[in-house]
């Protein structure tokens, strides 16, 4: 299982808003696929899947999360 956490996008960034999920809960993704949109006070960006597998979303769009907060997991399922 891979944990998907809010990344630190700059030295002064302490939190970010999960703007929108770009994949459905339970969808299969490949490493590098866009997962969600993150907005900080300085930038908006797409966050990519760090691994391949099935996404289990935890974070809620519109909510503000601190850097390092768990917002999803990606689990490899055979088959």
PDB file of N, CA and C in Angstrom:
ATOM      1  N   UNK A   1       0.844  -1.176   0.000  1.00  0.00           N
ATOM      2  CA  UNK A   1       0.000   0.000   0.000  1.00  0.00           C
ATOM      3  C   UNK A   1       0.891   1.242   0.000  1.00  0.00           C
ATOM      4  N   UNK A   2       0.504   2.209  -0.800  1.00  0.00           N
ATOM      5  CA  UNK A   2       1.195   3.492  -0.867  1.00  0.00           C
ATOM      6  C   UNK A   2       0.301   4.556  -0.261  1.00  0.00           C
ATOM      7  N   UNK A   3       0.860   5.354   0.641  1.00  0.00           N
ATOM      8  CA  UNK A   3       0.114   6.467   1.220  1.00  0.00           C
ATOM      9  C   UNK A   3       0.292   7.696   0.349  1.00  0.00           C
ATOM     10  N   UNK A   4      -0.808   8.397   0.085  1.00  0.00           N
ATOM     11  CA  UNK A   4      -0.781   9.636  -0.683  1.00  0.00           C
ATOM     12  C   UNK A   4      -1.013  10.773   0.311  1.00  0.00           C
ATOM     13  N   UNK A   5      -0.009  11.619   0.469  1.00  0.00           N
ATOM     14  CA  UNK A   5      -0.064  12.695   1.458  1.00  0.00           C
ATOM     15  C   UNK A   5       0.060  14.062   0.782  1.00  0.00           C
ATOM     16  N   UNK A   6      -0.398  15.095   1.473  1.00  0.00           N
ATOM     17  CA  UNK A   6      -0.252  16.459   0.965  1.00  0.00           C
ATOM     18  C   UNK A   6       1.245  16.775   0.914  1.00  0.00           C
ATOM     19  N   UNK A   7       1.752  17.133  -0.275  1.00  0.00           N
ATOM     20  CA  UNK A   7       3.193  17.386  -0.399  1.00  0.00           C
ATOM     21  C   UNK A   7       3.582  18.787   0.061  1.00  0.00           C
ATOM     22  N   UNK A   8       4.828  18.944   0.434  1.00  0.00           N
ATOM     23  CA  UNK A   8       5.386  20.266   0.743  1.00  0.00           C
ATOM     24  C   UNK A   8       5.864  20.838  -0.580  1.00  0.00           C
ATOM     25  N   UNK A   9       5.173  21.862  -1.062  1.00  0.00           N
ATOM     26  CA  UNK A   9       5.457  22.397  -2.391  1.00  0.00           C
ATOM     27  C   UNK A   9       6.399  23.594  -2.372  1.00  0.00           C
ATOM     28  N   UNK A  10       6.746  24.055  -1.174  1.00  0.00           N
ATOM     29  CA  UNK A  10       7.671  25.183  -1.041  1.00  0.00           C
ATOM     30  C   UNK A  10       8.081  25.330   0.410  1.00  0.00           C
ATOM     31  N   UNK A  11       9.134  26.103   0.640  1.00  0.00           N
ATOM     32  CA  UNK A  11       9.668  26.254   1.995  1.00  0.00           C
ATOM     33  C   UNK A  11       8.645  26.801   2.986  1.00  0.00           C
ATOM     34  N   UNK A  12       7.828  27.745   2.549  1.00  0.00           N
ATOM     35  CA  UNK A  12       6.889  28.394   3.465  1.00  0.00           C
ATOM     36  C   UNK A  12       5.509  27.740   3.480  1.00  0.00           C
ATOM     37  N   UNK A  13       5.300  26.719   2.669  1.00  0.00           N
ATOM     38  CA  UNK A  13       3.981  26.098   2.562  1.00  0.00           C
ATOM     39  C   UNK A  13       3.748  25.149   3.735  1.00  0.00           C
ATOM     40  N   UNK A  14       2.660  25.372   4.452  1.00  0.00           N
ATOM     41  CA  UNK A  14       2.315  24.541   5.603  1.00  0.00           C
ATOM     42  C   UNK A  14       1.008  23.780   5.411  1.00  0.00           C
ATOM     43  N   UNK A  15       0.193  24.207   4.410  1.00  0.00           N
ATOM     44  CA  UNK A  15      -1.100  23.565   4.173  1.00  0.00           C
ATOM     45  C   UNK A  15      -1.525  23.792   2.736  1.00  0.00           C
ATOM     46  N   UNK A  16      -2.533  23.023   2.326  1.00  0.00           N
ATOM     47  CA  UNK A  16      -3.072  23.169   0.985  1.00  0.00           C
ATOM     48  C   UNK A  16      -4.524  22.734   0.941  1.00  0.00           C
ATOM     49  N   UNK A  17      -5.237  23.218  -0.061  1.00  0.00           N
ATOM     50  CA  UNK A  17      -6.639  22.858  -0.256  1.00  0.00           C
ATOM     51  C   UNK A  17      -6.730  21.782  -1.324  1.00  0.00           C
ATOM     52  N   UNK A  18      -7.382  20.676  -0.979  1.00  0.00           N
ATOM     53  CA  UNK A  18      -7.671  19.642  -1.963  1.00  0.00           C
ATOM     54  C   UNK A  18      -8.854  20.171  -2.764  1.00  0.00           C
ATOM     55  N   UNK A  19      -8.593  20.658  -3.970  1.00  0.00           N
ATOM     56  CA  UNK A  19      -9.608  21.329  -4.779  1.00  0.00           C
ATOM     57  C   UNK A  19     -10.564  20.334  -5.417  1.00  0.00           C
ATOM     58  N   UNK A  20      -9.997  19.290  -6.040  1.00  0.00           N
ATOM     59  CA  UNK A  20     -10.830  18.357  -6.802  1.00  0.00           C
ATOM     60  C   UNK A  20     -10.090  17.047  -7.015  1.00  0.00           C
ATOM     61  N   UNK A  21     -10.807  15.940  -6.873  1.00  0.00           N
ATOM     62  CA  UNK A  21     -10.254  14.636  -7.244  1.00  0.00           C
ATOM     63  C   UNK A  21     -10.352  14.488  -8.755  1.00  0.00           C
ATOM     64  N   UNK A  22      -9.324  13.937  -9.378  1.00  0.00           N
ATOM     65  CA  UNK A  22      -9.305  13.720 -10.821  1.00  0.00           C
ATOM     66  C   UNK A  22      -9.542  12.260 -11.176  1.00  0.00           C
ATOM     67  N   UNK A  23      -9.707  11.413 -10.144  1.00  0.00           N
ATOM     68  CA  UNK A  23     -10.019   9.993 -10.335  1.00  0.00           C
ATOM     69  C   UNK A  23     -11.144   9.613  -9.380  1.00  0.00           C
ATOM     70  N   UNK A  24     -11.914   8.621  -9.772  1.00  0.00           N
ATOM     71  CA  UNK A  24     -12.987   8.119  -8.923  1.00  0.00           C
ATOM     72  C   UNK A  24     -12.419   7.232  -7.821  1.00  0.00           C
ATOM     73  N   UNK A  25     -13.127   7.168  -6.710  1.00  0.00           N
ATOM     74  CA  UNK A  25     -12.754   6.247  -5.644  1.00  0.00           C
ATOM     75  C   UNK A  25     -12.848   4.829  -6.204  1.00  0.00           C
ATOM     76  N   UNK A  26     -11.810   4.034  -6.003  1.00  0.00           N
ATOM     77  CA  UNK A  26     -11.792   2.670  -6.513  1.00  0.00           C
ATOM     78  C   UNK A  26     -11.236   2.531  -7.916  1.00  0.00           C
ATOM     79  N   UNK A  27     -10.845   3.652  -8.527  1.00  0.00           N
ATOM     80  CA  UNK A  27     -10.292   3.611  -9.886  1.00  0.00           C
ATOM     81  C   UNK A  27      -8.855   3.100  -9.862  1.00  0.00           C
ATOM     82  N   UNK A  28      -8.459   2.469 -10.944  1.00  0.00           N
ATOM     83  CA  UNK A  28      -7.078   2.015 -11.094  1.00  0.00           C
ATOM     84  C   UNK A  28      -6.270   3.134 -11.753  1.00  0.00           C
ATOM     85  N   UNK A  29      -5.084   3.394 -11.219  1.00  0.00           N
ATOM     86  CA  UNK A  29      -4.202   4.415 -11.778  1.00  0.00           C
ATOM     87  C   UNK A  29      -2.833   3.812 -12.031  1.00  0.00           C
ATOM     88  N   UNK A  30      -2.087   4.463 -12.882  1.00  0.00           N
ATOM     89  CA  UNK A  30      -0.686   4.128 -13.125  1.00  0.00           C
ATOM     90  C   UNK A  30       0.168   5.219 -12.506  1.00  0.00           C
ATOM     91  N   UNK A  31       1.388   4.885 -12.180  1.00  0.00           N
ATOM     92  CA  UNK A  31       2.304   5.881 -11.628  1.00  0.00           C
ATOM     93  C   UNK A  31       2.387   7.073 -12.572  1.00  0.00           C
ATOM     94  N   UNK A  32       2.238   8.279 -12.036  1.00  0.00           N
ATOM     95  CA  UNK A  32       2.302   9.497 -12.837  1.00  0.00           C
ATOM     96  C   UNK A  32       0.959  10.011 -13.305  1.00  0.00           C
ATOM     97  N   UNK A  33      -0.105   9.211 -13.161  1.00  0.00           N
ATOM     98  CA  UNK A  33      -1.443   9.695 -13.530  1.00  0.00           C
ATOM     99  C   UNK A  33      -1.858  10.818 -12.579  1.00  0.00           C
ATOM    100  N   UNK A  34      -2.558  11.846 -13.083  1.00  0.00           N
ATOM    101  CA  UNK A  34      -3.044  12.909 -12.203  1.00  0.00           C
ATOM    102  C   UNK A  34      -4.077  12.366 -11.208  1.00  0.00           C
ATOM    103  N   UNK A  35      -3.893  12.667  -9.912  1.00  0.00           N
ATOM    104  CA  UNK A  35      -4.809  12.198  -8.864  1.00  0.00           C
ATOM    105  C   UNK A  35      -5.770  13.280  -8.388  1.00  0.00           C
ATOM    106  N   UNK A  36      -5.205  14.444  -8.046  1.00  0.00           N
ATOM    107  CA  UNK A  36      -6.055  15.514  -7.518  1.00  0.00           C
ATOM    108  C   UNK A  36      -5.409  16.867  -7.759  1.00  0.00           C
ATOM    109  N   UNK A  37      -6.228  17.919  -7.622  1.00  0.00           N
ATOM    110  CA  UNK A  37      -5.735  19.281  -7.727  1.00  0.00           C
ATOM    111  C   UNK A  37      -5.500  19.820  -6.325  1.00  0.00           C
ATOM    112  N   UNK A  38      -4.333  20.403  -6.110  1.00  0.00           N
ATOM    113  CA  UNK A  38      -3.961  20.992  -4.835  1.00  0.00           C
ATOM    114  C   UNK A  38      -3.703  22.475  -5.047  1.00  0.00           C
ATOM    115  N   UNK A  39      -4.227  23.288  -4.137  1.00  0.00           N
ATOM    116  CA  UNK A  39      -4.011  24.726  -4.216  1.00  0.00           C
ATOM    117  C   UNK A  39      -3.419  25.214  -2.896  1.00  0.00           C
ATOM    118  N   UNK A  40      -2.346  25.992  -3.002  1.00  0.00           N
ATOM    119  CA  UNK A  40      -1.754  26.631  -1.824  1.00  0.00           C
ATOM    120  C   UNK A  40      -1.908  28.134  -1.999  1.00  0.00           C
ATOM    121  N   UNK A  41      -1.381  28.905  -1.063  1.00  0.00           N
ATOM    122  CA  UNK A  41      -1.479  30.361  -1.201  1.00  0.00           C
ATOM    123  C   UNK A  41      -0.644  30.888  -2.361  1.00  0.00           C
ATOM    124  N   UNK A  42       0.241  30.064  -2.901  1.00  0.00           N
ATOM    125  CA  UNK A  42       1.121  30.516  -3.975  1.00  0.00           C
ATOM    126  C   UNK A  42       0.887  29.845  -5.332  1.00  0.00           C
ATOM    127  N   UNK A  43       0.343  28.625  -5.334  1.00  0.00           N
ATOM    128  CA  UNK A  43       0.275  27.880  -6.596  1.00  0.00           C
ATOM    129  C   UNK A  43      -0.863  26.867  -6.571  1.00  0.00           C
ATOM    130  N   UNK A  44      -1.346  26.522  -7.760  1.00  0.00           N
ATOM    131  CA  UNK A  44      -2.295  25.418  -7.928  1.00  0.00           C
ATOM    132  C   UNK A  44      -1.623  24.404  -8.840  1.00  0.00           C
ATOM    133  N   UNK A  45      -1.755  23.112  -8.505  1.00  0.00           N
ATOM    134  CA  UNK A  45      -1.065  22.094  -9.297  1.00  0.00           C
ATOM    135  C   UNK A  45      -1.787  20.764  -9.242  1.00  0.00           C
ATOM    136  N   UNK A  46      -1.497  19.924 -10.234  1.00  0.00           N
ATOM    137  CA  UNK A  46      -1.972  18.539 -10.223  1.00  0.00           C
ATOM    138  C   UNK A  46      -0.963  17.696  -9.462  1.00  0.00           C
ATOM    139  N   UNK A  47      -1.464  16.845  -8.584  1.00  0.00           N
ATOM    140  CA  UNK A  47      -0.608  15.916  -7.872  1.00  0.00           C
ATOM    141  C   UNK A  47      -0.755  14.552  -8.537  1.00  0.00           C
ATOM    142  N   UNK A  48       0.374  13.916  -8.832  1.00  0.00           N
ATOM    143  CA  UNK A  48       0.382  12.647  -9.556  1.00  0.00           C
ATOM    144  C   UNK A  48       0.427  11.449  -8.625  1.00  0.00           C
ATOM    145  N   UNK A  49      -0.045  10.317  -9.133  1.00  0.00           N
ATOM    146  CA  UNK A  49       0.003   9.060  -8.387  1.00  0.00           C
ATOM    147  C   UNK A  49       1.464   8.638  -8.216  1.00  0.00           C
ATOM    148  N   UNK A  50       1.879   8.350  -6.970  1.00  0.00           N
ATOM    149  CA  UNK A  50       3.254   7.920  -6.743  1.00  0.00           C
ATOM    150  C   UNK A  50       3.493   6.457  -7.091  1.00  0.00           C
ATOM    151  N   UNK A  51       2.410   5.696  -7.315  1.00  0.00           N
ATOM    152  CA  UNK A  51       2.532   4.283  -7.675  1.00  0.00           C
ATOM    153  C   UNK A  51       1.284   3.852  -8.424  1.00  0.00           C
ATOM    154  N   UNK A  52       1.320   2.642  -8.980  1.00  0.00           N
ATOM    155  CA  UNK A  52       0.165   2.088  -9.683  1.00  0.00           C
ATOM    156  C   UNK A  52      -0.682   1.284  -8.707  1.00  0.00           C
ATOM    157  N   UNK A  53      -1.991   1.249  -8.965  1.00  0.00           N
ATOM    158  CA  UNK A  53      -2.889   0.457  -8.136  1.00  0.00           C
ATOM    159  C   UNK A  53      -4.273   1.054  -8.084  1.00  0.00           C
ATOM    160  N   UNK A  54      -5.030   0.671  -7.050  1.00  0.00           N
ATOM    161  CA  UNK A  54      -6.412   1.099  -6.883  1.00  0.00           C
ATOM    162  C   UNK A  54      -6.472   2.176  -5.802  1.00  0.00           C
ATOM    163  N   UNK A  55      -7.124   3.295  -6.144  1.00  0.00           N
ATOM    164  CA  UNK A  55      -7.183   4.456  -5.259  1.00  0.00           C
ATOM    165  C   UNK A  55      -8.330   4.333  -4.260  1.00  0.00           C
ATOM    166  N   UNK A  56      -8.018   4.603  -2.990  1.00  0.00           N
ATOM    167  CA  UNK A  56      -9.036   4.752  -1.951  1.00  0.00           C
ATOM    168  C   UNK A  56      -8.927   6.187  -1.443  1.00  0.00           C
ATOM    169  N   UNK A  57      -9.897   7.019  -1.816  1.00  0.00           N
ATOM    170  CA  UNK A  57      -9.864   8.433  -1.434  1.00  0.00           C
ATOM    171  C   UNK A  57     -10.242   8.606   0.032  1.00  0.00           C
ATOM    172  N   UNK A  58      -9.554   9.493   0.706  1.00  0.00           N
ATOM    173  CA  UNK A  58      -9.840   9.834   2.095  1.00  0.00           C
ATOM    174  C   UNK A  58     -10.173  11.318   2.205  1.00  0.00           C
ATOM    175  N   UNK A  59      -9.378  12.148   1.551  1.00  0.00           N
ATOM    176  CA  UNK A  59      -9.560  13.597   1.609  1.00  0.00           C
ATOM    177  C   UNK A  59     -10.837  14.047   0.919  1.00  0.00           C
ATOM    178  N   UNK A  60     -11.361  15.174   1.394  1.00  0.00           N
ATOM    179  CA  UNK A  60     -12.614  15.735   0.894  1.00  0.00           C
ATOM    180  C   UNK A  60     -12.323  17.023   0.126  1.00  0.00           C
ATOM    181  N   UNK A  61     -12.828  17.142  -1.115  1.00  0.00           N
ATOM    182  CA  UNK A  61     -12.612  18.365  -1.879  1.00  0.00           C
ATOM    183  C   UNK A  61     -13.134  19.586  -1.119  1.00  0.00           C
ATOM    184  N   UNK A  62     -12.352  20.662  -1.195  1.00  0.00           N
ATOM    185  CA  UNK A  62     -12.708  21.904  -0.525  1.00  0.00           C
ATOM    186  C   UNK A  62     -12.123  22.035   0.870  1.00  0.00           C
ATOM    187  N   UNK A  63     -11.595  20.943   1.414  1.00  0.00           N
ATOM    188  CA  UNK A  63     -11.011  20.967   2.755  1.00  0.00           C
ATOM    189  C   UNK A  63      -9.534  21.365   2.689  1.00  0.00           C
ATOM    190  N   UNK A  64      -9.077  22.030   3.737  1.00  0.00           N
ATOM    191  CA  UNK A  64      -7.686  22.428   3.867  1.00  0.00           C
ATOM    192  C   UNK A  64      -6.979  21.391   4.738  1.00  0.00           C
ATOM    193  N   UNK A  65      -5.824  20.918   4.251  1.00  0.00           N
ATOM    194  CA  UNK A  65      -5.058  19.890   4.957  1.00  0.00           C
ATOM    195  C   UNK A  65      -3.633  20.365   5.188  1.00  0.00           C
ATOM    196  N   UNK A  66      -3.053  20.025   6.345  1.00  0.00           N
ATOM    197  CA  UNK A  66      -1.650  20.362   6.570  1.00  0.00           C
ATOM    198  C   UNK A  66      -0.739  19.486   5.715  1.00  0.00           C
ATOM    199  N   UNK A  67       0.454  19.985   5.438  1.00  0.00           N
ATOM    200  CA  UNK A  67       1.455  19.199   4.727  1.00  0.00           C
ATOM    201  C   UNK A  67       1.670  17.890   5.486  1.00  0.00           C
ATOM    202  N   UNK A  68       1.695  16.789   4.741  1.00  0.00           N
ATOM    203  CA  UNK A  68       1.908  15.479   5.338  1.00  0.00           C
ATOM    204  C   UNK A  68       0.634  14.726   5.671  1.00  0.00           C
ATOM    205  N   UNK A  69      -0.521  15.378   5.576  1.00  0.00           N
ATOM    206  CA  UNK A  69      -1.789  14.724   5.901  1.00  0.00           C
ATOM    207  C   UNK A  69      -2.118  13.645   4.864  1.00  0.00           C
ATOM    208  N   UNK A  70      -2.598  12.519   5.321  1.00  0.00           N
ATOM    209  CA  UNK A  70      -2.995  11.415   4.446  1.00  0.00           C
ATOM    210  C   UNK A  70      -4.316  11.749   3.765  1.00  0.00           C
ATOM    211  N   UNK A  71      -4.342  11.726   2.423  1.00  0.00           N
ATOM    212  CA  UNK A  71      -5.573  12.031   1.691  1.00  0.00           C
ATOM    213  C   UNK A  71      -6.058  10.862   0.832  1.00  0.00           C
ATOM    214  N   UNK A  72      -5.215   9.826   0.663  1.00  0.00           N
ATOM    215  CA  UNK A  72      -5.621   8.651  -0.118  1.00  0.00           C
ATOM    216  C   UNK A  72      -4.601   7.539   0.091  1.00  0.00           C
ATOM    217  N   UNK A  73      -4.995   6.345  -0.302  1.00  0.00           N
ATOM    218  CA  UNK A  73      -4.056   5.232  -0.378  1.00  0.00           C
ATOM    219  C   UNK A  73      -4.189   4.604  -1.760  1.00  0.00           C
ATOM    220  N   UNK A  74      -3.128   3.973  -2.183  1.00  0.00           N
ATOM    221  CA  UNK A  74      -3.132   3.229  -3.450  1.00  0.00           C
ATOM    222  C   UNK A  74      -2.684   1.810  -3.112  1.00  0.00           C
ATOM    223  N   UNK A  75      -3.547   0.859  -3.417  1.00  0.00           N
ATOM    224  CA  UNK A  75      -3.267  -0.536  -3.107  1.00  0.00           C
ATOM    225  C   UNK A  75      -3.207  -1.331  -4.398  1.00  0.00           C
ATOM    226  N   UNK A  76      -2.165  -2.133  -4.539  1.00  0.00           N
ATOM    227  CA  UNK A  76      -2.054  -3.003  -5.705  1.00  0.00           C
ATOM    228  C   UNK A  76      -2.908  -4.232  -5.462  1.00  0.00           C
ATOM    229  N   UNK A  77      -3.824  -4.486  -6.379  1.00  0.00           N
ATOM    230  CA  UNK A  77      -4.669  -5.677  -6.294  1.00  0.00           C
ATOM    231  C   UNK A  77      -4.349  -6.565  -7.487  1.00  0.00           C
ATOM    232  N   UNK A  78      -4.095  -7.823  -7.254  1.00  0.00           N
ATOM    233  CA  UNK A  78      -3.786  -8.693  -8.384  1.00  0.00           C
ATOM    234  C   UNK A  78      -4.980  -8.847  -9.313  1.00  0.00           C
ATOM    235  N   UNK A  79      -4.631  -8.968 -10.581  1.00  0.00           N
ATOM    236  CA  UNK A  79      -5.642  -9.359 -11.447  1.00  0.00           C
ATOM    237  C   UNK A  79      -6.260  -8.679 -12.478  1.00  0.00           C
TER     238      UNK A  79
END
